[in-house]
Protein backbone atom coordinates (compact mmCIF):
# COMPACT_ATOMS: atom_id res chain seq x y z
CA MET A 1 0.07 0.23 -0.01
CA LEU A 2 2.99 2.54 0.87
CA LYS A 3 4.76 1.43 -2.09
CA GLU A 4 1.93 2.19 -4.39
CA ILE A 5 1.09 5.61 -2.74
CA GLY A 6 4.88 6.06 -2.86
CA GLU A 7 5.14 5.48 -6.46
CA LYS A 8 1.97 7.74 -7.09
CA ILE A 9 3.90 10.87 -5.59
CA MET A 10 6.91 10.14 -7.66
CA LYS A 11 4.95 10.11 -10.83
CA LYS A 12 3.17 13.29 -9.87
CA ILE A 13 6.77 14.99 -8.70
CA ALA A 14 8.09 13.84 -12.22
CA LEU A 15 4.95 15.04 -14.26
CA GLY A 16 5.53 18.49 -12.61
CA ILE A 17 9.02 18.69 -13.52
CA LEU A 18 8.31 17.61 -16.66
CA GLY A 19 5.55 20.45 -16.84
CA THR A 20 7.91 22.93 -15.46
CA LEU A 21 10.45 22.24 -18.19
CA ILE A 22 8.39 22.32 -20.91
CA VAL A 23 6.47 25.95 -19.76
CA LEU A 24 10.38 27.20 -19.43
CA MET A 25 11.04 25.91 -23.08
CA MET A 26 8.12 27.54 -24.33
CA LEU A 27 8.42 31.10 -22.34
CA PRO A 28 10.66 32.46 -24.93
CA MET A 29 7.84 32.07 -27.52
CA PHE A 30 5.50 34.23 -25.65
CA ARG A 31 8.24 37.00 -24.75
CA VAL A 32 7.24 40.68 -25.69
CA PRO A 33 9.00 41.58 -29.05
CA THR A 34 11.80 44.02 -28.40
CA VAL A 35 11.66 47.50 -29.81
CA TYR A 36 14.58 46.99 -32.29
CA ALA A 37 12.52 43.86 -34.10
CA GLN A 38 9.37 45.88 -34.58
CA GLY A 39 10.38 49.45 -34.88
CA GLU A 40 12.37 51.72 -37.11
CA GLN A 41 16.35 52.46 -37.19
CA THR A 42 17.59 55.89 -37.22
CA ASP A 43 20.19 54.95 -39.52
CA THR A 44 18.49 53.09 -42.18
CA PRO A 45 15.13 54.57 -43.90
CA PRO A 46 12.12 52.24 -44.55
CA ALA A 47 11.70 50.98 -48.32
CA GLY A 48 10.49 53.06 -50.42
CA TYR A 49 11.39 56.29 -48.10
CA THR A 50 11.36 59.82 -49.75
CA PRO A 51 12.80 62.84 -48.24
CA ILE A 52 10.17 65.35 -47.47
CA PRO A 53 10.74 68.90 -48.22
CA VAL A 54 9.72 71.72 -45.72
CA THR A 55 8.04 74.90 -46.63
CA GLU A 56 9.20 78.27 -45.29
CA ILE A 57 7.18 79.77 -42.64
CA ALA A 58 7.37 83.51 -41.39
CA GLY A 59 7.35 83.61 -37.61
CA CYS A 60 9.12 84.89 -34.86
CA ASP A 61 10.90 84.50 -31.43
CA LYS A 62 12.25 81.35 -32.37
CA LEU A 63 14.24 80.44 -35.96
CA ILE A 64 14.37 76.68 -37.21
CA VAL A 65 16.40 76.01 -40.03
CA GLU A 66 15.43 72.87 -42.04
CA ASP A 67 15.24 71.84 -45.65
CA LEU A 68 14.08 68.51 -44.96
CA TYR A 69 11.60 67.06 -42.21
CA PRO A 70 13.80 64.77 -40.17
CA TRP A 71 13.10 61.24 -40.04
CA ALA A 72 10.28 61.86 -42.10
CA ALA A 73 8.61 63.95 -39.50
CA GLY A 74 5.52 65.90 -40.70
CA PRO A 75 1.76 64.76 -41.50
CA PRO A 76 0.86 62.32 -40.44
CA ARG A 77 4.08 62.33 -38.08
CA PRO A 78 4.79 65.72 -36.09
CA ASP A 79 7.71 67.75 -36.48
CA PRO A 80 9.51 67.82 -33.36
CA ASP A 81 10.76 71.09 -33.11
CA ARG A 82 7.73 72.85 -34.25
CA LEU A 83 5.65 70.81 -31.86
CA ALA A 84 8.04 71.34 -28.93
CA CYS A 85 7.74 75.13 -29.47
CA ASP A 86 4.01 74.79 -29.60
CA GLU A 87 3.61 72.58 -26.56
CA LEU A 88 6.00 75.43 -24.70
CA GLY A 89 3.98 78.23 -26.12
CA TYR A 90 6.75 79.81 -28.30
CA ALA A 91 6.31 81.20 -31.59
CA TRP A 92 8.56 80.09 -34.36
CA GLY A 93 9.46 80.11 -37.95
CA VAL A 94 10.95 78.10 -40.45
CA ILE A 95 13.62 78.74 -43.13
CA THR A 96 15.74 76.47 -45.19
CA SER A 97 19.27 76.54 -45.38
CA ASN A 98 19.75 78.62 -48.77
CA THR A 99 17.92 81.22 -47.25
CA LEU A 100 19.85 81.28 -44.30
CA LEU A 101 22.85 82.40 -46.41
CA THR A 102 21.17 85.92 -46.78
CA GLN A 103 19.05 86.29 -43.90
CA ALA A 104 19.98 88.68 -41.18
CA LEU A 105 20.54 87.13 -37.78
CA VAL A 106 21.30 90.42 -35.92
CA GLY A 107 20.00 93.51 -36.28
CA ALA A 108 21.38 97.09 -37.04
CA ASP A 109 21.43 97.81 -33.34
CA GLY A 110 23.42 94.91 -32.70
CA ARG A 111 21.10 92.59 -31.27
CA PRO A 112 19.81 89.31 -32.43
CA LEU A 113 16.70 89.02 -34.04
CA TRP A 114 15.85 85.82 -32.66
CA LYS A 115 15.53 84.48 -29.31
CA ALA A 116 16.88 80.89 -30.56
CA VAL A 117 17.83 79.62 -33.82
CA ILE A 118 17.10 75.77 -33.80
CA LEU A 119 19.46 73.54 -36.50
CA VAL A 120 17.50 70.50 -36.65
CA SER A 121 18.84 66.62 -37.66
CA ASP A 122 18.87 64.39 -39.98
CA GLN A 123 19.14 66.66 -43.29
CA ASP A 124 20.34 66.42 -46.68
CA GLN A 125 24.12 67.30 -47.59
CA THR A 126 23.08 70.50 -48.97
CA TYR A 127 22.16 71.61 -45.56
CA TYR A 128 25.06 70.93 -43.91
CA ASN A 129 27.27 72.58 -46.93
CA ASN A 130 25.23 75.45 -46.45
CA LEU A 131 25.54 75.30 -42.54
CA VAL A 132 29.43 75.63 -43.04
CA ALA A 133 29.01 78.68 -45.27
CA ALA A 134 27.05 80.14 -42.69
CA ALA A 135 29.28 79.46 -40.03
CA ALA A 136 30.51 83.16 -39.42
CA LYS A 137 26.92 84.13 -39.46
CA LEU A 138 26.04 81.72 -36.90
CA ALA A 139 29.14 82.77 -34.77
CA GLY A 140 28.20 86.08 -35.03
CA TYR A 141 24.48 85.74 -33.74
CA VAL A 142 25.30 83.90 -30.82
CA SER A 143 28.21 86.35 -29.92
CA ALA A 144 25.68 88.91 -30.19
CA GLY A 145 23.68 87.39 -27.45
CA GLY A 146 21.77 85.08 -28.92
CA VAL A 147 21.32 81.38 -28.18
CA LEU A 148 22.04 78.49 -30.75
CA VAL A 149 20.37 75.06 -30.28
CA ALA A 150 22.05 72.66 -32.52
CA HIS A 151 20.67 68.92 -33.21
CA CYS A 152 23.81 67.75 -34.96
CA CYS A 153 22.83 64.19 -35.46
CA ASP A 154 23.44 63.32 -39.16
CA TRP A 155 23.82 59.96 -41.06
CA ALA A 156 20.47 59.26 -40.91
CA TRP A 157 17.84 58.77 -43.16
CA ASN A 158 18.42 61.98 -45.64
CA GLY A 159 21.92 60.75 -45.80
CA GLY A 160 24.05 64.04 -45.31
CA ASN A 161 26.82 64.37 -43.04
CA TRP A 162 28.99 67.20 -41.74
CA ASP A 163 32.72 64.97 -41.49
CA GLY A 164 35.27 66.57 -41.65
CA MET A 165 33.66 70.14 -41.46
CA SER A 166 32.28 72.41 -38.87
CA PHE A 167 29.67 75.21 -38.64
CA LEU A 168 29.60 75.45 -34.97
CA PRO A 169 30.92 78.53 -33.12
CA GLY A 170 34.51 77.56 -32.24
CA GLY A 171 35.22 74.93 -34.99
CA VAL A 172 33.62 72.12 -33.00
CA THR A 173 34.07 69.09 -34.74
CA LYS A 174 32.90 65.23 -34.46
CA THR A 175 33.33 62.04 -35.26
CA TRP A 176 30.67 59.39 -36.87
CA GLU A 177 29.60 56.63 -34.67
CA TYR A 178 26.24 54.83 -33.97
CA GLY A 179 25.61 53.78 -30.10
CA SER A 180 22.69 53.53 -27.95
CA LEU A 181 24.31 53.71 -24.60
CA LEU A 182 24.70 56.85 -22.68
CA THR A 183 25.30 58.48 -19.36
CA ILE A 184 24.15 61.40 -17.89
CA LEU A 185 27.43 63.22 -16.49
CA LEU A 186 25.71 66.23 -14.57
CA PRO A 187 22.44 64.94 -13.24
CA GLY A 188 21.29 68.06 -11.43
CA ASP A 189 21.49 70.15 -14.60
CA PRO A 190 18.14 71.54 -15.49
CA ILE A 191 18.04 70.20 -19.03
CA VAL A 192 18.20 66.72 -18.06
CA ALA A 193 15.22 67.40 -15.71
CA GLY A 194 12.84 64.40 -15.69
CA VAL A 195 15.53 62.10 -17.79
CA THR A 196 17.54 59.67 -16.70
CA ASP A 197 20.38 57.11 -18.22
CA ALA A 198 17.98 53.91 -18.68
CA GLY A 199 15.54 56.69 -20.45
CA ILE A 200 18.14 57.73 -23.39
CA ASP A 201 19.49 54.24 -23.75
CA ASN A 202 18.86 52.03 -26.64
CA TRP A 203 16.91 53.78 -28.93
CA PHE A 204 18.56 51.87 -32.01
CA HIS A 205 20.48 54.12 -31.83
CA SER A 206 20.65 57.04 -29.04
CA TYR A 207 23.37 58.81 -30.91
CA HIS A 208 25.21 58.96 -34.53
CA GLY A 209 28.36 60.41 -33.18
CA TYR A 210 30.14 62.32 -30.67
CA PHE A 211 32.29 66.07 -30.50
CA ASN A 212 35.84 65.65 -30.40
CA PRO A 213 37.12 66.72 -27.09
CA SER A 214 39.90 68.62 -28.54
CA SER A 215 37.50 70.98 -30.73
CA LEU A 216 35.60 72.08 -27.50
CA PRO A 217 35.61 75.76 -26.56
CA VAL A 218 37.58 76.30 -23.12
CA GLY A 219 34.78 76.27 -20.73
CA THR A 220 32.41 73.89 -22.36
CA THR A 221 30.33 72.04 -20.20
CA VAL A 222 29.66 67.95 -20.99
CA ILE A 223 26.31 66.77 -20.12
CA ILE A 224 25.96 63.52 -21.60
CA ALA A 225 28.51 61.28 -23.19
CA VAL A 226 28.72 57.82 -24.33
CA THR A 227 28.95 55.28 -21.38
CA GLY A 228 32.76 54.36 -20.47
CA PHE A 229 34.08 57.33 -22.92
CA GLU A 230 33.01 59.90 -20.24
CA LEU A 231 35.85 61.94 -20.96
CA ASP A 232 36.17 61.03 -24.45
CA LYS A 233 32.92 61.03 -26.23
CA PRO A 234 30.89 63.98 -25.24
CA VAL A 235 27.41 64.00 -26.96
CA TYR A 236 25.51 66.95 -25.35
CA ILE A 237 27.59 69.85 -24.45
CA GLU A 238 26.81 73.34 -23.60
CA TYR A 239 29.22 76.42 -24.03
CA ARG A 240 29.09 80.24 -24.13
CA TRP A 241 30.39 82.31 -27.00
CA GLY A 242 30.74 85.88 -26.46
CA ASN A 243 27.43 86.96 -25.02
CA GLY A 244 25.46 83.93 -26.45
CA LEU A 245 25.06 80.24 -25.65
CA VAL A 246 25.53 77.18 -27.62
CA LYS A 247 23.24 74.06 -27.17
CA ALA A 248 24.60 71.18 -29.06
CA ASN A 249 23.83 67.49 -29.52
CA MET A 250 24.63 64.20 -31.64
CA MET A 251 21.50 62.48 -30.18
CA THR A 252 18.31 61.27 -32.19
CA LEU A 253 16.35 63.22 -30.27
CA GLU A 254 13.54 64.28 -32.96
CA HIS A 255 13.45 60.74 -34.14
CA CYS A 256 12.17 59.81 -29.96
CA ARG A 257 8.84 61.84 -31.29
CA VAL A 258 8.19 60.44 -34.71
CA PHE A 259 9.69 56.79 -34.08
CA ASP A 260 7.69 53.95 -35.95
CA GLY A 261 4.62 56.45 -36.42
CA ILE A 262 4.08 56.28 -32.65
CA GLU A 263 3.49 59.73 -30.51
CA ASN A 264 6.37 60.14 -28.18
CA GLN A 265 7.72 56.20 -28.72
CA HIS A 266 10.96 57.23 -26.14
CA PRO A 267 9.41 59.95 -23.96
CA GLU A 268 12.69 60.96 -22.04
CA GLY A 269 14.33 61.84 -25.34
CA TRP A 270 11.29 64.15 -25.98
CA THR A 271 11.78 65.58 -22.42
CA LEU A 272 15.10 66.41 -23.39
CA LEU A 273 14.33 67.91 -26.62
CA LYS A 274 11.91 70.65 -24.69
CA ASN A 275 14.17 71.14 -21.98
CA GLY A 276 16.57 72.55 -24.42
CA ILE A 277 14.34 74.88 -26.25
CA ARG A 278 13.03 76.12 -22.91
CA GLN A 279 16.08 76.38 -21.35
CA ALA A 280 16.95 78.67 -24.51
CA GLN A 281 13.94 80.85 -23.91
CA GLU A 282 15.08 81.55 -20.21
CA TRP A 283 18.59 82.41 -20.99
CA GLY A 284 19.74 85.34 -21.34
CA ILE A 285 21.77 88.60 -20.18
CA PRO A 286 20.00 90.96 -18.40
CA GLU A 287 19.45 94.65 -20.13
CA PHE A 288 20.14 96.14 -16.90
CA GLY A 289 22.75 94.08 -14.84
CA LEU A 290 24.48 94.72 -11.67
CA PRO A 291 27.79 96.85 -13.14
CA THR A 292 25.54 99.10 -14.87
CA PHE A 293 23.25 99.39 -12.02
CA ALA A 294 26.19 99.67 -9.59
CA VAL A 295 27.66 102.45 -12.03
CA THR A 296 24.54 104.56 -12.02
CA SER A 297 23.74 104.56 -8.28
CA VAL A 298 27.23 105.64 -7.64
CA LEU A 299 26.55 108.82 -10.52
CA PHE A 300 22.92 109.34 -8.65
CA ALA A 301 24.66 109.74 -5.03
CA ALA A 302 27.47 111.62 -6.29
CA MET A 303 25.26 114.21 -7.96
CA ALA A 304 22.77 114.42 -4.80
CA VAL A 305 25.69 115.23 -2.69
CA PHE A 306 26.98 117.71 -5.21
CA LEU A 307 23.45 119.27 -5.28
CA THR A 308 22.87 119.36 -1.57
CA ARG A 309 26.48 121.00 -0.88
CA LYS A 310 25.82 123.82 -3.71
CA ARG A 311 21.92 124.34 -1.80
CA ARG A 312 23.96 125.21 1.45
CA LEU A 313 26.38 127.69 -0.40
CA LEU A 314 23.69 129.13 -1.77
CA ILE A 315 21.63 129.42 1.00
CA LYS A 316 24.61 130.64 3.34
CA ALA A 317 25.41 133.14 0.65
């Protein structure tokens, strides 16, 4: 009797182990596919892709320089930089790189005509050639107090690149490389508010290159870099140039918004893009700074003393 019970228990245990092994073997069949398996790549356009030219739009405050929609943004996919400005409540206009060659960026009074100039990623070769031709103009705009928000990611769907060239103030250059692992070096910086290391990894690809450290102007702040190469491969930088500011990156931020036709596929990339434009709006040199205030105060005080003494002399006389 006990022998039969023991055999039944052993059979149940054996069947249980067998069932568990079968389930474990079948689990991969039910695993949710990764984004890589079902989504787009930032470097390779889908079959039949045709570049989509933009139409210039008059506007103010933010000037977007754009020849083609990055990663086929635009109806039915949203144009990320325009959409970011809309969500932040900022006015914007669009010009092509050809127009940039003749478009004034600084007024007759020496002040920037736009609060920020935004350069977009994933353009054709003509765009990058024109930016290089307009490099001195862009540097002059920033030096006058403007903010340049430069999405510099190339080697993407529209085929252009700026290898061996530079359009950024100070002659910053870059090296091409695809990768998807990044590290935030300044987690307390407002530009990465709401952004984590995990949130900017594995976009397939998260970046298409890095800025060459030897070309960075003195005082450049590196905010994000390639994981394991923090000092050698910066991908998001910020630096002062004259009275203005440059915020430049090699990341696929715009693709985060239009990825696979799914709105906001990588939300932290979209947050990072908007943070950059928001900071450009908020940054600026005060019109009436402390030095001016101090000098003016001293002059008023001296004048008051002079008038008071003169009044006393007149009364005595």
